[in-house]
Amino acid sequence: MLYTLRPEKIKLMRIKLHYRLKQLKKMIVDLSGPQGNAYALMGVARSIGRQLNRPYNEIKDIETKMMSGDYDYLVKVLFLEYGDFIQFKKDGKRVIYIRTKGKPRF
C-alpha cells in the first residue's frame, strides 16, 4: 500500500519544521571543559536529535557511529550531523570545522 501526503499536509509539516529550527539556538560546547566529555557530547547529540524530532533509531545509529572511533572521530561525527546547531570552543577560542564533500576539515 502506497501512502502519499496531500500538498497541504506537506506544507504544514515544512512550516512546523522551519519554526522548530528557528527556535533552536546554536549551542556553544567547550571541548576543553566538562562539556567536552565524550558522554556529555553524546548527550548533546541525543538532545538535538530529539528537538529535531528525529526517529529514535536514527538517534541511536548516530550514537553508535560516534562510539565507533576515538574522541576526534566522535567530535567529527557530531559536527557532521548537527554542525548547524553547535559551535565548538577549545581553550576559550572558537574551533572552526569546514565541510568539504561531506567530511569535516580542521
C-alpha atoms as a PDB file:
ATOM      1  CA  MET A   1       0.000   0.000   0.000  1.00  0.00           C
ATOM      2  CA  LEU A   2       1.416   3.347  -1.052  1.00  0.00           C
ATOM      3  CA  TYR A   3       0.791   6.251   1.244  1.00  0.00           C
ATOM      4  CA  THR A   4       1.029   9.766  -0.164  1.00  0.00           C
ATOM      5  CA  LEU A   5       0.699  13.047   1.634  1.00  0.00           C
ATOM      6  CA  ARG A   6      -1.538  15.800   0.425  1.00  0.00           C
ATOM      7  CA  PRO A   7       0.251  19.030  -0.550  1.00  0.00           C
ATOM      8  CA  GLU A   8      -1.447  20.893   2.329  1.00  0.00           C
ATOM      9  CA  LYS A   9      -0.053  18.369   4.831  1.00  0.00           C
ATOM     10  CA  ILE A  10       3.462  18.676   3.375  1.00  0.00           C
ATOM     11  CA  LYS A  11       3.278  22.471   3.545  1.00  0.00           C
ATOM     12  CA  LEU A  12       2.154  22.318   7.186  1.00  0.00           C
ATOM     13  CA  MET A  13       4.992  19.919   8.045  1.00  0.00           C
ATOM     14  CA  ARG A  14       7.542  22.260   6.421  1.00  0.00           C
ATOM     15  CA  ILE A  15       6.179  25.246   8.337  1.00  0.00           C
ATOM     16  CA  LYS A  16       6.384  23.348  11.641  1.00  0.00           C
ATOM     17  CA  LEU A  17       9.947  22.199  10.949  1.00  0.00           C
ATOM     18  CA  HIS A  18      11.019  25.706   9.913  1.00  0.00           C
ATOM     19  CA  TYR A  19       9.520  27.145  13.116  1.00  0.00           C
ATOM     20  CA  ARG A  20      11.241  24.465  15.234  1.00  0.00           C
ATOM     21  CA  LEU A  21      14.611  25.127  13.561  1.00  0.00           C
ATOM     22  CA  LYS A  22      14.268  28.862  14.219  1.00  0.00           C
ATOM     23  CA  GLN A  23      13.644  28.139  17.913  1.00  0.00           C
ATOM     24  CA  LEU A  24      16.826  26.109  18.254  1.00  0.00           C
ATOM     25  CA  LYS A  25      19.665  28.295  19.394  1.00  0.00           C
ATOM     26  CA  LYS A  26      23.222  27.445  18.477  1.00  0.00           C
ATOM     27  CA  MET A  27      24.749  25.592  21.409  1.00  0.00           C
ATOM     28  CA  ILE A  28      28.256  26.550  22.474  1.00  0.00           C
ATOM     29  CA  VAL A  29      30.207  23.491  23.588  1.00  0.00           C
ATOM     30  CA  ASP A  30      33.568  23.966  25.318  1.00  0.00           C
ATOM     31  CA  LEU A  31      35.659  20.944  24.333  1.00  0.00           C
ATOM     32  CA  SER A  32      38.287  21.677  26.986  1.00  0.00           C
ATOM     33  CA  GLY A  33      35.794  21.771  29.868  1.00  0.00           C
ATOM     34  CA  PRO A  34      33.371  19.255  31.349  1.00  0.00           C
ATOM     35  CA  GLN A  35      31.074  19.752  28.343  1.00  0.00           C
ATOM     36  CA  GLY A  36      33.797  18.251  26.180  1.00  0.00           C
ATOM     37  CA  ASN A  37      33.483  14.850  27.854  1.00  0.00           C
ATOM     38  CA  ALA A  38      32.553  12.119  25.334  1.00  0.00           C
ATOM     39  CA  TYR A  39      29.412  11.168  27.269  1.00  0.00           C
ATOM     40  CA  ALA A  40      28.355  14.802  27.513  1.00  0.00           C
ATOM     41  CA  LEU A  41      28.803  15.198  23.742  1.00  0.00           C
ATOM     42  CA  MET A  42      26.646  12.130  23.114  1.00  0.00           C
ATOM     43  CA  GLY A  43      24.020  13.679  25.394  1.00  0.00           C
ATOM     44  CA  VAL A  44      24.151  16.862  23.329  1.00  0.00           C
ATOM     45  CA  ALA A  45      23.652  14.808  20.161  1.00  0.00           C
ATOM     46  CA  ARG A  46      20.685  12.991  21.710  1.00  0.00           C
ATOM     47  CA  SER A  47      19.143  16.261  22.885  1.00  0.00           C
ATOM     48  CA  ILE A  48      19.415  17.950  19.499  1.00  0.00           C
ATOM     49  CA  GLY A  49      18.122  14.837  17.743  1.00  0.00           C
ATOM     50  CA  ARG A  50      15.038  14.847  19.958  1.00  0.00           C
ATOM     51  CA  GLN A  51      14.451  18.556  19.385  1.00  0.00           C
ATOM     52  CA  LEU A  52      14.573  17.937  15.638  1.00  0.00           C
ATOM     53  CA  ASN A  53      12.051  15.087  16.008  1.00  0.00           C
ATOM     54  CA  ARG A  54      14.440  12.527  14.568  1.00  0.00           C
ATOM     55  CA  PRO A  55      13.331   8.912  14.979  1.00  0.00           C
ATOM     56  CA  TYR A  56      14.752   7.005  17.945  1.00  0.00           C
ATOM     57  CA  ASN A  57      16.530   4.502  15.667  1.00  0.00           C
ATOM     58  CA  GLU A  58      18.266   7.291  13.773  1.00  0.00           C
ATOM     59  CA  ILE A  59      19.500   8.891  17.016  1.00  0.00           C
ATOM     60  CA  LYS A  60      20.792   5.505  18.215  1.00  0.00           C
ATOM     61  CA  ASP A  61      22.583   4.966  14.879  1.00  0.00           C
ATOM     62  CA  ILE A  62      24.322   8.329  15.247  1.00  0.00           C
ATOM     63  CA  GLU A  63      25.370   7.462  18.818  1.00  0.00           C
ATOM     64  CA  THR A  64      26.717   4.091  17.674  1.00  0.00           C
ATOM     65  CA  LYS A  65      28.648   5.823  14.916  1.00  0.00           C
ATOM     66  CA  MET A  66      30.049   8.308  17.445  1.00  0.00           C
ATOM     67  CA  MET A  67      31.234   5.454  19.712  1.00  0.00           C
ATOM     68  CA  SER A  68      32.883   3.507  16.886  1.00  0.00           C
ATOM     69  CA  GLY A  69      36.067   5.582  16.876  1.00  0.00           C
ATOM     70  CA  ASP A  70      38.256   7.742  19.067  1.00  0.00           C
ATOM     71  CA  TYR A  71      37.421  11.133  20.600  1.00  0.00           C
ATOM     72  CA  ASP A  72      38.311  13.118  17.466  1.00  0.00           C
ATOM     73  CA  TYR A  73      36.046  10.898  15.382  1.00  0.00           C
ATOM     74  CA  LEU A  74      33.222  11.436  17.893  1.00  0.00           C
ATOM     75  CA  VAL A  75      33.554  15.212  17.530  1.00  0.00           C
ATOM     76  CA  LYS A  76      33.666  14.934  13.722  1.00  0.00           C
ATOM     77  CA  VAL A  77      30.506  12.825  13.600  1.00  0.00           C
ATOM     78  CA  LEU A  78      28.769  15.272  15.951  1.00  0.00           C
ATOM     79  CA  PHE A  79      29.785  18.120  13.660  1.00  0.00           C
ATOM     80  CA  LEU A  80      28.631  16.310  10.524  1.00  0.00           C
ATOM     81  CA  GLU A  81      25.221  15.506  11.969  1.00  0.00           C
ATOM     82  CA  TYR A  82      24.482  18.662  13.970  1.00  0.00           C
ATOM     83  CA  GLY A  83      27.097  21.210  12.918  1.00  0.00           C
ATOM     84  CA  ASP A  84      24.416  23.766  12.083  1.00  0.00           C
ATOM     85  CA  PHE A  85      23.303  23.806  15.725  1.00  0.00           C
ATOM     86  CA  ILE A  86      26.619  23.604  17.606  1.00  0.00           C
ATOM     87  CA  GLN A  87      29.595  25.931  17.951  1.00  0.00           C
ATOM     88  CA  PHE A  88      32.748  24.363  19.374  1.00  0.00           C
ATOM     89  CA  LYS A  89      35.265  26.145  21.598  1.00  0.00           C
ATOM     90  CA  LYS A  90      38.569  24.935  22.956  1.00  0.00           C
ATOM     91  CA  ASP A  91      40.624  26.864  25.497  1.00  0.00           C
ATOM     92  CA  GLY A  92      38.375  29.891  25.024  1.00  0.00           C
ATOM     93  CA  LYS A  93      38.932  30.036  21.267  1.00  0.00           C
ATOM     94  CA  ARG A  94      36.413  29.083  18.633  1.00  0.00           C
ATOM     95  CA  VAL A  95      37.172  25.860  16.801  1.00  0.00           C
ATOM     96  CA  ILE A  96      36.224  26.025  13.145  1.00  0.00           C
ATOM     97  CA  TYR A  97      35.334  22.977  11.114  1.00  0.00           C
ATOM     98  CA  ILE A  98      34.896  23.285   7.371  1.00  0.00           C
ATOM     99  CA  ARG A  99      32.698  20.888   5.437  1.00  0.00           C
ATOM    100  CA  THR A 100      34.322  19.614   2.286  1.00  0.00           C
ATOM    101  CA  LYS A 101      32.495  16.964   0.291  1.00  0.00           C
ATOM    102  CA  GLY A 102      30.752  15.656   3.398  1.00  0.00           C
ATOM    103  CA  LYS A 103      33.911  15.347   5.514  1.00  0.00           C
ATOM    104  CA  PRO A 104      34.976  17.911   8.108  1.00  0.00           C
ATOM    105  CA  ARG A 105      38.381  19.515   7.841  1.00  0.00           C
ATOM    106  CA  PHE A 106      40.133  21.476  10.615  1.00  0.00           C
END
